[in-house]
Amino acid sequence: MLVLVTGATGKVGRTLIERLQAERPDVGIRALCHNRTLPETDTLSVVRGSIADRETCREALRDVTHVVHLATCKETPDDVMDVTVKGLFWLLEEFRASPSAQRFLLIGGDAAIGHFFHRHPAPITEDAPHMAYPGCYALSKVLEEVMLEQFGIQYGMDWCCLRAPWIMEKDDFRHSLSFGDDLFGGPDWKTMVEPEVARRSRETGAVPLLQEEDGTPVRRNFVHVDDLVSAILIALTAPAARQRLFNVCMDEPVDYAAVVEHLARTRGLPSTPVRGPYVSNWMDNSRAKADLGWRPSYDLSKLIDSAWDYVRPPDEPRQVWYPG
């Protein structure tokens, strides 16, 4: 078994490779790296280049049995079609022609169904329609899922897509609630309130209570990287994963009202109400639990406490390679 990991230097790629090396020492790993790289080992080889280049994809896929495709672009219109769309096309073309190919695993995103930009009338299952929100990133996530499914229809290719919401690790969740310049992801809370309110929130360590325009607390979906990687390890070889899409997320969305209550009770932190044009949605992970036997280990309390308890060592400065 030889697994190609694209986007190998990101949070999911690094965690996946570490878990494979620890739990499956018999598995060979190849990392496809572009801007950053990894040190090679006895079980890890590296191919450098862009997935937008067909020859790079051909070299990376030589003798590969399984692909975990993580590489993507965010809101970068100049790159998104070449990298995310054409890059996936070349990977799929080379994979379907390869005599060693067994399964292609795509990590999709809830941007493909609009997460908290478009309201869904019921819990979001895998049968919900694609609903990209404005911008090139969400559109690219829709195109990825559609292209993957069509390759299965056209060529009988074995694929699986794990659709994940916002992926957290270490102190990510804490920084996602910051009114300061250390904010991770969005919304940008300090721009949604008056400057004096933002200043006071920074000074007191207040966390945002995100509300819909009518004052209803927003619920937004998350997954911890450890839980996502556990799902990947199962889906790589599970027979039930063939040509299937799975929502991989926490059992319940994060309720911002519950977040501020927990932090007030356990950390004594104040909160600042923030209203915005966002809506609540609930991703349903029942299919992954029923068909793959996967279970998330992170609930709301564990997500919050692990982020606040994380102590970043001096040789690990917080570095954000993209906004979210």
C-alpha atoms as a PDB file:
ATOM      1  CA  MET A   1       0.000   0.000   0.000  1.00  0.00           C
ATOM      2  CA  LEU A   2       1.443   3.357  -1.086  1.00  0.00           C
ATOM      3  CA  VAL A   3      -0.510   6.471  -0.103  1.00  0.00           C
ATOM      4  CA  LEU A   4      -0.045   9.788  -1.878  1.00  0.00           C
ATOM      5  CA  VAL A   5      -0.872  12.778   0.321  1.00  0.00           C
ATOM      6  CA  THR A   6      -1.320  16.144  -1.359  1.00  0.00           C
ATOM      7  CA  GLY A   7      -1.287  19.233   0.823  1.00  0.00           C
ATOM      8  CA  ALA A   8       1.000  17.179   3.043  1.00  0.00           C
ATOM      9  CA  THR A   9       2.469  20.102   4.987  1.00  0.00           C
ATOM     10  CA  GLY A  10      -0.897  21.418   6.203  1.00  0.00           C
ATOM     11  CA  LYS A  11      -2.485  20.598   9.549  1.00  0.00           C
ATOM     12  CA  VAL A  12      -4.423  17.596   8.219  1.00  0.00           C
ATOM     13  CA  GLY A  13      -1.571  16.301   6.074  1.00  0.00           C
ATOM     14  CA  ARG A  14       0.975  16.453   8.885  1.00  0.00           C
ATOM     15  CA  THR A  15      -1.356  14.770  11.354  1.00  0.00           C
ATOM     16  CA  LEU A  16      -2.309  12.068   8.857  1.00  0.00           C
ATOM     17  CA  ILE A  17       1.306  11.260   8.049  1.00  0.00           C
ATOM     18  CA  GLU A  18       2.219  11.092  11.738  1.00  0.00           C
ATOM     19  CA  ARG A  19      -0.702   8.746  12.427  1.00  0.00           C
ATOM     20  CA  LEU A  20       0.111   6.534   9.442  1.00  0.00           C
ATOM     21  CA  GLN A  21       3.729   6.254  10.517  1.00  0.00           C
ATOM     22  CA  ALA A  22       2.739   5.428  14.086  1.00  0.00           C
ATOM     23  CA  GLU A  23      -0.193   3.097  13.411  1.00  0.00           C
ATOM     24  CA  ARG A  24       0.562   1.647   9.965  1.00  0.00           C
ATOM     25  CA  PRO A  25       4.345   1.280   9.658  1.00  0.00           C
ATOM     26  CA  ASP A  26       3.777  -1.142   6.772  1.00  0.00           C
ATOM     27  CA  VAL A  27       2.277   1.624   4.615  1.00  0.00           C
ATOM     28  CA  GLY A  28       4.452   3.654   2.274  1.00  0.00           C
ATOM     29  CA  ILE A  29       3.746   7.387   2.110  1.00  0.00           C
ATOM     30  CA  ARG A  30       4.500   9.852  -0.653  1.00  0.00           C
ATOM     31  CA  ALA A  31       4.021  13.568  -0.031  1.00  0.00           C
ATOM     32  CA  LEU A  32       3.342  15.914  -2.923  1.00  0.00           C
ATOM     33  CA  CYS A  33       4.726  19.276  -1.789  1.00  0.00           C
ATOM     34  CA  HIS A  34       4.727  22.662  -3.450  1.00  0.00           C
ATOM     35  CA  ASN A  35       5.653  25.750  -1.407  1.00  0.00           C
ATOM     36  CA  ARG A  36       6.827  23.857   1.668  1.00  0.00           C
ATOM     37  CA  THR A  37       8.307  20.384   2.087  1.00  0.00           C
ATOM     38  CA  LEU A  38       8.882  17.582   4.589  1.00  0.00           C
ATOM     39  CA  PRO A  39      12.018  15.604   5.495  1.00  0.00           C
ATOM     40  CA  GLU A  40      12.162  12.220   3.805  1.00  0.00           C
ATOM     41  CA  THR A  41      12.356   9.034   5.887  1.00  0.00           C
ATOM     42  CA  ASP A  42      12.402   5.293   5.282  1.00  0.00           C
ATOM     43  CA  THR A  43       8.616   5.331   4.840  1.00  0.00           C
ATOM     44  CA  LEU A  44       8.111   8.856   3.463  1.00  0.00           C
ATOM     45  CA  SER A  45       9.208  10.085   0.051  1.00  0.00           C
ATOM     46  CA  VAL A  46       8.617  13.563  -1.363  1.00  0.00           C
ATOM     47  CA  VAL A  47       7.745  14.815  -4.831  1.00  0.00           C
ATOM     48  CA  ARG A  48       8.068  18.571  -5.379  1.00  0.00           C
ATOM     49  CA  GLY A  49       5.837  20.471  -7.767  1.00  0.00           C
ATOM     50  CA  SER A  50       2.357  21.784  -8.461  1.00  0.00           C
ATOM     51  CA  ILE A  51      -0.677  19.614  -9.090  1.00  0.00           C
ATOM     52  CA  ALA A  52      -1.499  22.046 -11.901  1.00  0.00           C
ATOM     53  CA  ASP A  53       1.336  20.346 -13.833  1.00  0.00           C
ATOM     54  CA  ARG A  54       0.360  17.002 -15.371  1.00  0.00           C
ATOM     55  CA  GLU A  55       3.897  15.602 -15.348  1.00  0.00           C
ATOM     56  CA  THR A  56       4.177  16.308 -11.633  1.00  0.00           C
ATOM     57  CA  CYS A  57       0.929  14.423 -11.043  1.00  0.00           C
ATOM     58  CA  ARG A  58       2.136  11.505 -13.149  1.00  0.00           C
ATOM     59  CA  GLU A  59       5.392  11.287 -11.209  1.00  0.00           C
ATOM     60  CA  ALA A  60       3.611  11.593  -7.859  1.00  0.00           C
ATOM     61  CA  LEU A  61       1.123   8.826  -8.707  1.00  0.00           C
ATOM     62  CA  ARG A  62       3.668   6.260  -9.902  1.00  0.00           C
ATOM     63  CA  ASP A  63       2.892   2.942  -8.095  1.00  0.00           C
ATOM     64  CA  VAL A  64       0.450   4.698  -5.734  1.00  0.00           C
ATOM     65  CA  THR A  65      -2.514   2.659  -4.509  1.00  0.00           C
ATOM     66  CA  HIS A  66      -4.403   5.310  -2.526  1.00  0.00           C
ATOM     67  CA  VAL A  67      -4.634   9.089  -2.736  1.00  0.00           C
ATOM     68  CA  VAL A  68      -5.629  11.478   0.051  1.00  0.00           C
ATOM     69  CA  HIS A  69      -6.208  14.796  -1.684  1.00  0.00           C
ATOM     70  CA  LEU A  70      -5.930  17.753   0.691  1.00  0.00           C
ATOM     71  CA  ALA A  71      -4.319  20.449  -1.451  1.00  0.00           C
ATOM     72  CA  THR A  72      -6.569  23.416  -2.201  1.00  0.00           C
ATOM     73  CA  CYS A  73      -6.695  27.189  -2.626  1.00  0.00           C
ATOM     74  CA  LYS A  74      -8.589  29.714  -0.559  1.00  0.00           C
ATOM     75  CA  GLU A  75      -9.814  33.046  -1.920  1.00  0.00           C
ATOM     76  CA  THR A  76      -7.093  33.316  -4.562  1.00  0.00           C
ATOM     77  CA  PRO A  77      -8.845  33.864  -7.921  1.00  0.00           C
ATOM     78  CA  ASP A  78      -5.557  33.914  -9.870  1.00  0.00           C
ATOM     79  CA  ASP A  79      -4.710  30.362  -8.759  1.00  0.00           C
ATOM     80  CA  VAL A  80      -7.925  28.571  -7.919  1.00  0.00           C
ATOM     81  CA  MET A  81      -8.867  27.217 -11.344  1.00  0.00           C
ATOM     82  CA  ASP A  82      -5.343  26.086 -12.219  1.00  0.00           C
ATOM     83  CA  VAL A  83      -4.626  24.490  -8.854  1.00  0.00           C
ATOM     84  CA  THR A  84      -7.936  23.323  -7.411  1.00  0.00           C
ATOM     85  CA  VAL A  85      -9.849  22.453 -10.572  1.00  0.00           C
ATOM     86  CA  LYS A  86      -7.223  21.601 -13.180  1.00  0.00           C
ATOM     87  CA  GLY A  87      -4.998  20.082 -10.515  1.00  0.00           C
ATOM     88  CA  LEU A  88      -7.721  17.691  -9.381  1.00  0.00           C
ATOM     89  CA  PHE A  89      -8.480  16.857 -13.024  1.00  0.00           C
ATOM     90  CA  TRP A  90      -4.851  15.844 -13.686  1.00  0.00           C
ATOM     91  CA  LEU A  91      -4.704  13.799 -10.507  1.00  0.00           C
ATOM     92  CA  LEU A  92      -7.902  11.964 -11.440  1.00  0.00           C
ATOM     93  CA  GLU A  93      -6.771  11.421 -15.032  1.00  0.00           C
ATOM     94  CA  GLU A  94      -3.473   9.899 -13.939  1.00  0.00           C
ATOM     95  CA  PHE A  95      -5.108   7.906 -11.156  1.00  0.00           C
ATOM     96  CA  ARG A  96      -7.728   6.285 -13.399  1.00  0.00           C
ATOM     97  CA  ALA A  97      -5.025   5.273 -15.885  1.00  0.00           C
ATOM     98  CA  SER A  98      -2.748   3.798 -13.221  1.00  0.00           C
ATOM     99  CA  PRO A  99      -2.637  -0.029 -12.903  1.00  0.00           C
ATOM    100  CA  SER A 100      -1.929   0.251  -9.165  1.00  0.00           C
ATOM    101  CA  ALA A 101      -4.777   2.650  -8.306  1.00  0.00           C
ATOM    102  CA  GLN A 102      -7.297   1.474  -5.718  1.00  0.00           C
ATOM    103  CA  ARG A 103      -9.062   4.417  -4.018  1.00  0.00           C
ATOM    104  CA  PHE A 104      -9.056   8.200  -4.377  1.00  0.00           C
ATOM    105  CA  LEU A 105     -10.057  10.019  -1.188  1.00  0.00           C
ATOM    106  CA  LEU A 106     -10.991  13.708  -1.395  1.00  0.00           C
ATOM    107  CA  ILE A 107     -11.337  15.931   1.647  1.00  0.00           C
ATOM    108  CA  GLY A 108     -14.199  18.221   0.714  1.00  0.00           C
ATOM    109  CA  GLY A 109     -15.645  21.098   2.652  1.00  0.00           C
ATOM    110  CA  ASP A 110     -18.925  22.442   3.933  1.00  0.00           C
ATOM    111  CA  ALA A 111     -18.307  25.478   1.722  1.00  0.00           C
ATOM    112  CA  ALA A 112     -19.851  23.298  -0.998  1.00  0.00           C
ATOM    113  CA  ILE A 113     -23.221  23.511   0.755  1.00  0.00           C
ATOM    114  CA  GLY A 114     -22.872  27.110   1.926  1.00  0.00           C
ATOM    115  CA  HIS A 115     -22.269  26.363   5.643  1.00  0.00           C
ATOM    116  CA  PHE A 116     -23.381  29.460   7.543  1.00  0.00           C
ATOM    117  CA  PHE A 117     -24.107  31.648   4.518  1.00  0.00           C
ATOM    118  CA  HIS A 118     -27.153  29.726   3.198  1.00  0.00           C
ATOM    119  CA  ARG A 119     -29.888  28.443   5.484  1.00  0.00           C
ATOM    120  CA  HIS A 120     -30.931  24.805   5.119  1.00  0.00           C
ATOM    121  CA  PRO A 121     -34.437  23.842   6.225  1.00  0.00           C
ATOM    122  CA  ALA A 122     -33.294  20.667   8.001  1.00  0.00           C
ATOM    123  CA  PRO A 123     -30.078  19.010   9.193  1.00  0.00           C
ATOM    124  CA  ILE A 124     -27.654  18.875   6.272  1.00  0.00           C
ATOM    125  CA  THR A 125     -27.229  15.354   4.975  1.00  0.00           C
ATOM    126  CA  GLU A 126     -25.093  14.207   2.083  1.00  0.00           C
ATOM    127  CA  ASP A 127     -28.163  14.580  -0.165  1.00  0.00           C
ATOM    128  CA  ALA A 128     -28.365  18.361   0.347  1.00  0.00           C
ATOM    129  CA  PRO A 129     -27.884  20.360  -2.878  1.00  0.00           C
ATOM    130  CA  HIS A 130     -24.661  22.184  -3.608  1.00  0.00           C
ATOM    131  CA  MET A 131     -24.977  25.858  -2.605  1.00  0.00           C
ATOM    132  CA  ALA A 132     -21.742  27.818  -2.980  1.00  0.00           C
ATOM    133  CA  TYR A 133     -21.532  31.168  -1.244  1.00  0.00           C
ATOM    134  CA  PRO A 134     -19.911  34.200  -2.967  1.00  0.00           C
ATOM    135  CA  GLY A 135     -16.223  33.839  -3.809  1.00  0.00           C
ATOM    136  CA  CYS A 136     -14.018  31.401  -5.685  1.00  0.00           C
ATOM    137  CA  TYR A 137     -13.213  29.039  -2.794  1.00  0.00           C
ATOM    138  CA  ALA A 138     -16.751  27.744  -2.247  1.00  0.00           C
ATOM    139  CA  LEU A 139     -17.232  27.365  -5.997  1.00  0.00           C
ATOM    140  CA  SER A 140     -14.056  25.296  -6.213  1.00  0.00           C
ATOM    141  CA  LYS A 141     -15.279  22.956  -3.456  1.00  0.00           C
ATOM    142  CA  VAL A 142     -18.497  22.356  -5.408  1.00  0.00           C
ATOM    143  CA  LEU A 143     -16.548  21.633  -8.596  1.00  0.00           C
ATOM    144  CA  GLU A 144     -14.252  19.210  -6.756  1.00  0.00           C
ATOM    145  CA  GLU A 145     -17.129  17.101  -5.453  1.00  0.00           C
ATOM    146  CA  VAL A 146     -18.919  17.081  -8.808  1.00  0.00           C
ATOM    147  CA  MET A 147     -15.770  16.155 -10.741  1.00  0.00           C
ATOM    148  CA  LEU A 148     -14.926  13.319  -8.377  1.00  0.00           C
ATOM    149  CA  GLU A 149     -18.414  11.843  -8.589  1.00  0.00           C
ATOM    150  CA  GLN A 150     -18.422  12.102 -12.374  1.00  0.00           C
ATOM    151  CA  PHE A 151     -15.128  10.224 -12.688  1.00  0.00           C
ATOM    152  CA  GLY A 152     -16.792   7.418 -10.757  1.00  0.00           C
ATOM    153  CA  ILE A 153     -19.740   7.463 -13.147  1.00  0.00           C
ATOM    154  CA  GLN A 154     -17.608   7.768 -16.277  1.00  0.00           C
ATOM    155  CA  TYR A 155     -14.904   5.249 -15.450  1.00  0.00           C
ATOM    156  CA  GLY A 156     -16.101   3.216 -12.457  1.00  0.00           C
ATOM    157  CA  MET A 157     -13.307   4.732 -10.374  1.00  0.00           C
ATOM    158  CA  ASP A 158     -13.265   3.969  -6.645  1.00  0.00           C
ATOM    159  CA  TRP A 159     -13.573   7.278  -4.791  1.00  0.00           C
ATOM    160  CA  CYS A 160     -14.665   8.603  -1.432  1.00  0.00           C
ATOM    161  CA  CYS A 161     -15.280  12.158  -0.276  1.00  0.00           C
ATOM    162  CA  LEU A 162     -15.171  13.225   3.361  1.00  0.00           C
ATOM    163  CA  ARG A 163     -16.927  16.588   3.617  1.00  0.00           C
ATOM    164  CA  ALA A 164     -15.496  18.474   6.579  1.00  0.00           C
ATOM    165  CA  PRO A 165     -16.445  21.802   8.161  1.00  0.00           C
ATOM    166  CA  TRP A 166     -13.851  24.145   9.677  1.00  0.00           C
ATOM    167  CA  ILE A 167     -10.934  22.036  10.930  1.00  0.00           C
ATOM    168  CA  MET A 168      -9.463  22.873  14.346  1.00  0.00           C
ATOM    169  CA  GLU A 169      -6.193  21.929  16.039  1.00  0.00           C
ATOM    170  CA  LYS A 170      -4.147  23.104  19.023  1.00  0.00           C
ATOM    171  CA  ASP A 171      -5.201  26.693  19.896  1.00  0.00           C
ATOM    172  CA  ASP A 172      -7.047  27.384  16.616  1.00  0.00           C
ATOM    173  CA  PHE A 173     -10.459  27.645  18.236  1.00  0.00           C
ATOM    174  CA  ARG A 174      -9.242  30.149  20.806  1.00  0.00           C
ATOM    175  CA  HIS A 175      -7.801  32.385  18.089  1.00  0.00           C
ATOM    176  CA  SER A 176     -10.958  32.055  16.005  1.00  0.00           C
ATOM    177  CA  LEU A 177     -12.695  34.011  18.794  1.00  0.00           C
ATOM    178  CA  SER A 178     -10.193  36.859  19.038  1.00  0.00           C
ATOM    179  CA  PHE A 179     -11.032  40.537  18.608  1.00  0.00           C
ATOM    180  CA  GLY A 180      -7.335  41.194  17.920  1.00  0.00           C
ATOM    181  CA  ASP A 181      -4.933  40.891  15.016  1.00  0.00           C
ATOM    182  CA  ASP A 182      -4.219  37.276  16.025  1.00  0.00           C
ATOM    183  CA  LEU A 183      -7.649  36.275  14.703  1.00  0.00           C
ATOM    184  CA  PHE A 184      -7.730  32.914  12.912  1.00  0.00           C
ATOM    185  CA  GLY A 185     -10.290  32.727  10.136  1.00  0.00           C
ATOM    186  CA  GLY A 186     -13.517  34.665  10.185  1.00  0.00           C
ATOM    187  CA  PRO A 187     -15.688  36.544  10.774  1.00  0.00           C
ATOM    188  CA  ASP A 188     -13.393  39.454  11.611  1.00  0.00           C
ATOM    189  CA  TRP A 189     -15.067  40.373  14.894  1.00  0.00           C
ATOM    190  CA  LYS A 190     -13.308  43.700  15.419  1.00  0.00           C
ATOM    191  CA  THR A 191     -14.807  45.077  12.201  1.00  0.00           C
ATOM    192  CA  MET A 192     -18.353  44.076  13.174  1.00  0.00           C
ATOM    193  CA  VAL A 193     -18.591  46.229  16.295  1.00  0.00           C
ATOM    194  CA  GLU A 194     -17.758  49.820  17.158  1.00  0.00           C
ATOM    195  CA  PRO A 195     -14.001  50.490  17.606  1.00  0.00           C
ATOM    196  CA  GLU A 196     -14.432  51.185  21.314  1.00  0.00           C
ATOM    197  CA  VAL A 197     -16.299  47.911  21.796  1.00  0.00           C
ATOM    198  CA  ALA A 198     -13.561  46.049  19.929  1.00  0.00           C
ATOM    199  CA  ARG A 199     -10.860  47.709  22.044  1.00  0.00           C
ATOM    200  CA  ARG A 200     -12.618  46.849  25.290  1.00  0.00           C
ATOM    201  CA  SER A 201     -13.191  43.285  24.113  1.00  0.00           C
ATOM    202  CA  ARG A 202      -9.478  42.861  23.395  1.00  0.00           C
ATOM    203  CA  GLU A 203      -8.457  44.275  26.756  1.00  0.00           C
ATOM    204  CA  THR A 204     -10.845  42.096  28.747  1.00  0.00           C
ATOM    205  CA  GLY A 205     -10.352  38.924  26.685  1.00  0.00           C
ATOM    206  CA  ALA A 206     -14.029  38.907  25.740  1.00  0.00           C
ATOM    207  CA  VAL A 207     -15.246  36.326  23.270  1.00  0.00           C
ATOM    208  CA  PRO A 208     -17.882  37.008  20.600  1.00  0.00           C
ATOM    209  CA  LEU A 209     -21.458  35.836  20.954  1.00  0.00           C
ATOM    210  CA  LEU A 210     -22.334  35.576  17.273  1.00  0.00           C
ATOM    211  CA  GLN A 211     -26.006  36.153  16.567  1.00  0.00           C
ATOM    212  CA  GLU A 212     -28.208  36.109  13.533  1.00  0.00           C
ATOM    213  CA  GLU A 213     -29.735  39.448  12.564  1.00  0.00           C
ATOM    214  CA  ASP A 214     -32.775  38.721  14.765  1.00  0.00           C
ATOM    215  CA  GLY A 215     -30.584  38.011  17.810  1.00  0.00           C
ATOM    216  CA  THR A 216     -30.688  34.200  17.635  1.00  0.00           C
ATOM    217  CA  PRO A 217     -27.298  32.687  18.587  1.00  0.00           C
ATOM    218  CA  VAL A 218     -25.563  31.161  15.571  1.00  0.00           C
ATOM    219  CA  ARG A 219     -24.655  27.474  15.410  1.00  0.00           C
ATOM    220  CA  ARG A 220     -21.708  26.600  13.156  1.00  0.00           C
ATOM    221  CA  ASN A 221     -20.105  23.261  12.326  1.00  0.00           C
ATOM    222  CA  PHE A 222     -16.545  22.266  13.236  1.00  0.00           C
ATOM    223  CA  VAL A 223     -14.351  19.171  13.352  1.00  0.00           C
ATOM    224  CA  HIS A 224     -11.089  18.569  15.175  1.00  0.00           C
ATOM    225  CA  VAL A 225      -8.170  17.439  13.034  1.00  0.00           C
ATOM    226  CA  ASP A 226      -7.735  14.280  15.138  1.00  0.00           C
ATOM    227  CA  ASP A 227     -11.314  13.202  14.413  1.00  0.00           C
ATOM    228  CA  LEU A 228     -11.006  13.965  10.703  1.00  0.00           C
ATOM    229  CA  VAL A 229      -7.796  11.972  10.429  1.00  0.00           C
ATOM    230  CA  SER A 230      -9.454   9.047  12.218  1.00  0.00           C
ATOM    231  CA  ALA A 231     -12.172   9.120   9.557  1.00  0.00           C
ATOM    232  CA  ILE A 232      -9.568   9.236   6.787  1.00  0.00           C
ATOM    233  CA  LEU A 233      -7.788   6.181   8.153  1.00  0.00           C
ATOM    234  CA  ILE A 234     -11.059   4.247   8.140  1.00  0.00           C
ATOM    235  CA  ALA A 235     -12.230   5.462   4.730  1.00  0.00           C
ATOM    236  CA  LEU A 236      -8.962   4.580   3.002  1.00  0.00           C
ATOM    237  CA  THR A 237      -9.873   0.905   2.907  1.00  0.00           C
ATOM    238  CA  ALA A 238     -13.451   0.472   4.202  1.00  0.00           C
ATOM    239  CA  PRO A 239     -15.614  -1.310   1.585  1.00  0.00           C
ATOM    240  CA  ALA A 240     -18.579   0.867   2.592  1.00  0.00           C
ATOM    241  CA  ALA A 241     -16.685   3.996   1.528  1.00  0.00           C
ATOM    242  CA  ARG A 242     -16.637   3.111  -2.182  1.00  0.00           C
ATOM    243  CA  GLN A 243     -18.160   5.954  -4.235  1.00  0.00           C
ATOM    244  CA  ARG A 244     -19.696   7.564  -1.146  1.00  0.00           C
ATOM    245  CA  LEU A 245     -19.821  11.027   0.343  1.00  0.00           C
ATOM    246  CA  PHE A 246     -19.714  11.406   4.133  1.00  0.00           C
ATOM    247  CA  ASN A 247     -20.194  14.395   6.398  1.00  0.00           C
ATOM    248  CA  VAL A 248     -17.400  14.293   8.985  1.00  0.00           C
ATOM    249  CA  CYS A 249     -18.071  16.736  11.810  1.00  0.00           C
ATOM    250  CA  MET A 250     -18.837  17.014  15.511  1.00  0.00           C
ATOM    251  CA  ASP A 251     -22.084  15.424  16.682  1.00  0.00           C
ATOM    252  CA  GLU A 252     -23.557  18.888  17.204  1.00  0.00           C
ATOM    253  CA  PRO A 253     -22.640  22.261  15.757  1.00  0.00           C
ATOM    254  CA  VAL A 254     -20.926  24.786  17.983  1.00  0.00           C
ATOM    255  CA  ASP A 255     -23.528  27.077  19.551  1.00  0.00           C
ATOM    256  CA  TYR A 256     -21.921  30.452  20.221  1.00  0.00           C
ATOM    257  CA  ALA A 257     -24.237  30.985  23.205  1.00  0.00           C
ATOM    258  CA  ALA A 258     -22.988  27.723  24.716  1.00  0.00           C
ATOM    259  CA  VAL A 259     -19.393  28.767  24.012  1.00  0.00           C
ATOM    260  CA  VAL A 260     -19.673  32.035  25.948  1.00  0.00           C
ATOM    261  CA  GLU A 261     -21.519  30.286  28.793  1.00  0.00           C
ATOM    262  CA  HIS A 262     -18.791  27.647  29.081  1.00  0.00           C
ATOM    263  CA  LEU A 263     -15.971  30.210  29.007  1.00  0.00           C
ATOM    264  CA  ALA A 264     -17.723  32.453  31.525  1.00  0.00           C
ATOM    265  CA  ARG A 265     -18.218  29.522  33.904  1.00  0.00           C
ATOM    266  CA  THR A 266     -14.793  27.885  33.503  1.00  0.00           C
ATOM    267  CA  ARG A 267     -12.501  30.823  32.685  1.00  0.00           C
ATOM    268  CA  GLY A 268     -14.390  33.865  33.920  1.00  0.00           C
ATOM    269  CA  LEU A 269     -14.323  35.444  30.471  1.00  0.00           C
ATOM    270  CA  PRO A 270     -16.828  38.106  29.408  1.00  0.00           C
ATOM    271  CA  SER A 271     -18.564  38.107  26.034  1.00  0.00           C
ATOM    272  CA  THR A 272     -19.529  40.655  23.416  1.00  0.00           C
ATOM    273  CA  PRO A 273     -22.701  40.227  21.327  1.00  0.00           C
ATOM    274  CA  VAL A 274     -22.000  40.478  17.598  1.00  0.00           C
ATOM    275  CA  ARG A 275     -24.769  40.419  15.020  1.00  0.00           C
ATOM    276  CA  GLY A 276     -24.063  39.512  11.414  1.00  0.00           C
ATOM    277  CA  PRO A 277     -25.558  38.192   8.187  1.00  0.00           C
ATOM    278  CA  TYR A 278     -24.936  34.556   9.121  1.00  0.00           C
ATOM    279  CA  VAL A 279     -27.341  31.674   9.664  1.00  0.00           C
ATOM    280  CA  SER A 280     -27.291  28.461  11.674  1.00  0.00           C
ATOM    281  CA  ASN A 281     -26.982  25.021  10.114  1.00  0.00           C
ATOM    282  CA  TRP A 282     -26.567  21.497  11.471  1.00  0.00           C
ATOM    283  CA  MET A 283     -24.418  18.991   9.575  1.00  0.00           C
ATOM    284  CA  ASP A 284     -25.635  15.436  10.090  1.00  0.00           C
ATOM    285  CA  ASN A 285     -22.811  12.899  10.507  1.00  0.00           C
ATOM    286  CA  SER A 286     -25.102   9.867  10.823  1.00  0.00           C
ATOM    287  CA  ARG A 287     -23.931   8.229   7.601  1.00  0.00           C
ATOM    288  CA  ALA A 288     -20.277   8.218   8.642  1.00  0.00           C
ATOM    289  CA  LYS A 289     -21.196   6.815  12.043  1.00  0.00           C
ATOM    290  CA  ALA A 290     -23.524   4.139  10.674  1.00  0.00           C
ATOM    291  CA  ASP A 291     -21.572   3.008   7.604  1.00  0.00           C
ATOM    292  CA  LEU A 292     -17.961   3.591   8.633  1.00  0.00           C
ATOM    293  CA  GLY A 293     -18.259   3.018  12.377  1.00  0.00           C
ATOM    294  CA  TRP A 294     -16.551   6.366  12.941  1.00  0.00           C
ATOM    295  CA  ARG A 295     -17.186   8.443  16.049  1.00  0.00           C
ATOM    296  CA  PRO A 296     -15.927  11.963  16.807  1.00  0.00           C
ATOM    297  CA  SER A 297     -14.123  12.235  20.136  1.00  0.00           C
ATOM    298  CA  TYR A 298     -14.443  16.029  20.449  1.00  0.00           C
ATOM    299  CA  ASP A 299     -17.567  17.636  21.863  1.00  0.00           C
ATOM    300  CA  LEU A 300     -18.000  21.319  22.671  1.00  0.00           C
ATOM    301  CA  SER A 301     -16.318  21.205  26.072  1.00  0.00           C
ATOM    302  CA  LYS A 302     -13.315  19.296  24.779  1.00  0.00           C
ATOM    303  CA  LEU A 303     -12.958  21.592  21.774  1.00  0.00           C
ATOM    304  CA  ILE A 304     -12.940  24.697  23.968  1.00  0.00           C
ATOM    305  CA  ASP A 305     -10.839  23.366  26.835  1.00  0.00           C
ATOM    306  CA  SER A 306      -8.173  21.831  24.598  1.00  0.00           C
ATOM    307  CA  ALA A 307      -7.741  25.157  22.767  1.00  0.00           C
ATOM    308  CA  TRP A 308      -7.495  27.213  25.976  1.00  0.00           C
ATOM    309  CA  ASP A 309      -5.245  24.676  27.710  1.00  0.00           C
ATOM    310  CA  TYR A 310      -2.815  24.373  24.807  1.00  0.00           C
ATOM    311  CA  VAL A 311       0.585  25.850  25.649  1.00  0.00           C
ATOM    312  CA  ARG A 312       2.538  26.691  22.542  1.00  0.00           C
ATOM    313  CA  PRO A 313       6.263  25.913  22.993  1.00  0.00           C
ATOM    314  CA  PRO A 314       8.826  28.633  22.188  1.00  0.00           C
ATOM    315  CA  ASP A 315      10.014  26.806  19.057  1.00  0.00           C
ATOM    316  CA  GLU A 316       6.466  26.621  17.659  1.00  0.00           C
ATOM    317  CA  PRO A 317       5.383  30.178  16.842  1.00  0.00           C
ATOM    318  CA  ARG A 318       1.815  30.502  15.664  1.00  0.00           C
ATOM    319  CA  GLN A 319       2.004  30.766  11.878  1.00  0.00           C
ATOM    320  CA  VAL A 320      -1.093  30.924   9.716  1.00  0.00           C
ATOM    321  CA  TRP A 321      -0.480  29.993   6.087  1.00  0.00           C
ATOM    322  CA  TYR A 322      -4.000  30.925   5.011  1.00  0.00           C
ATOM    323  CA  PRO A 323      -6.910  32.689   6.722  1.00  0.00           C
ATOM    324  CA  GLY A 324      -9.038  29.704   7.736  1.00  0.00           C
END
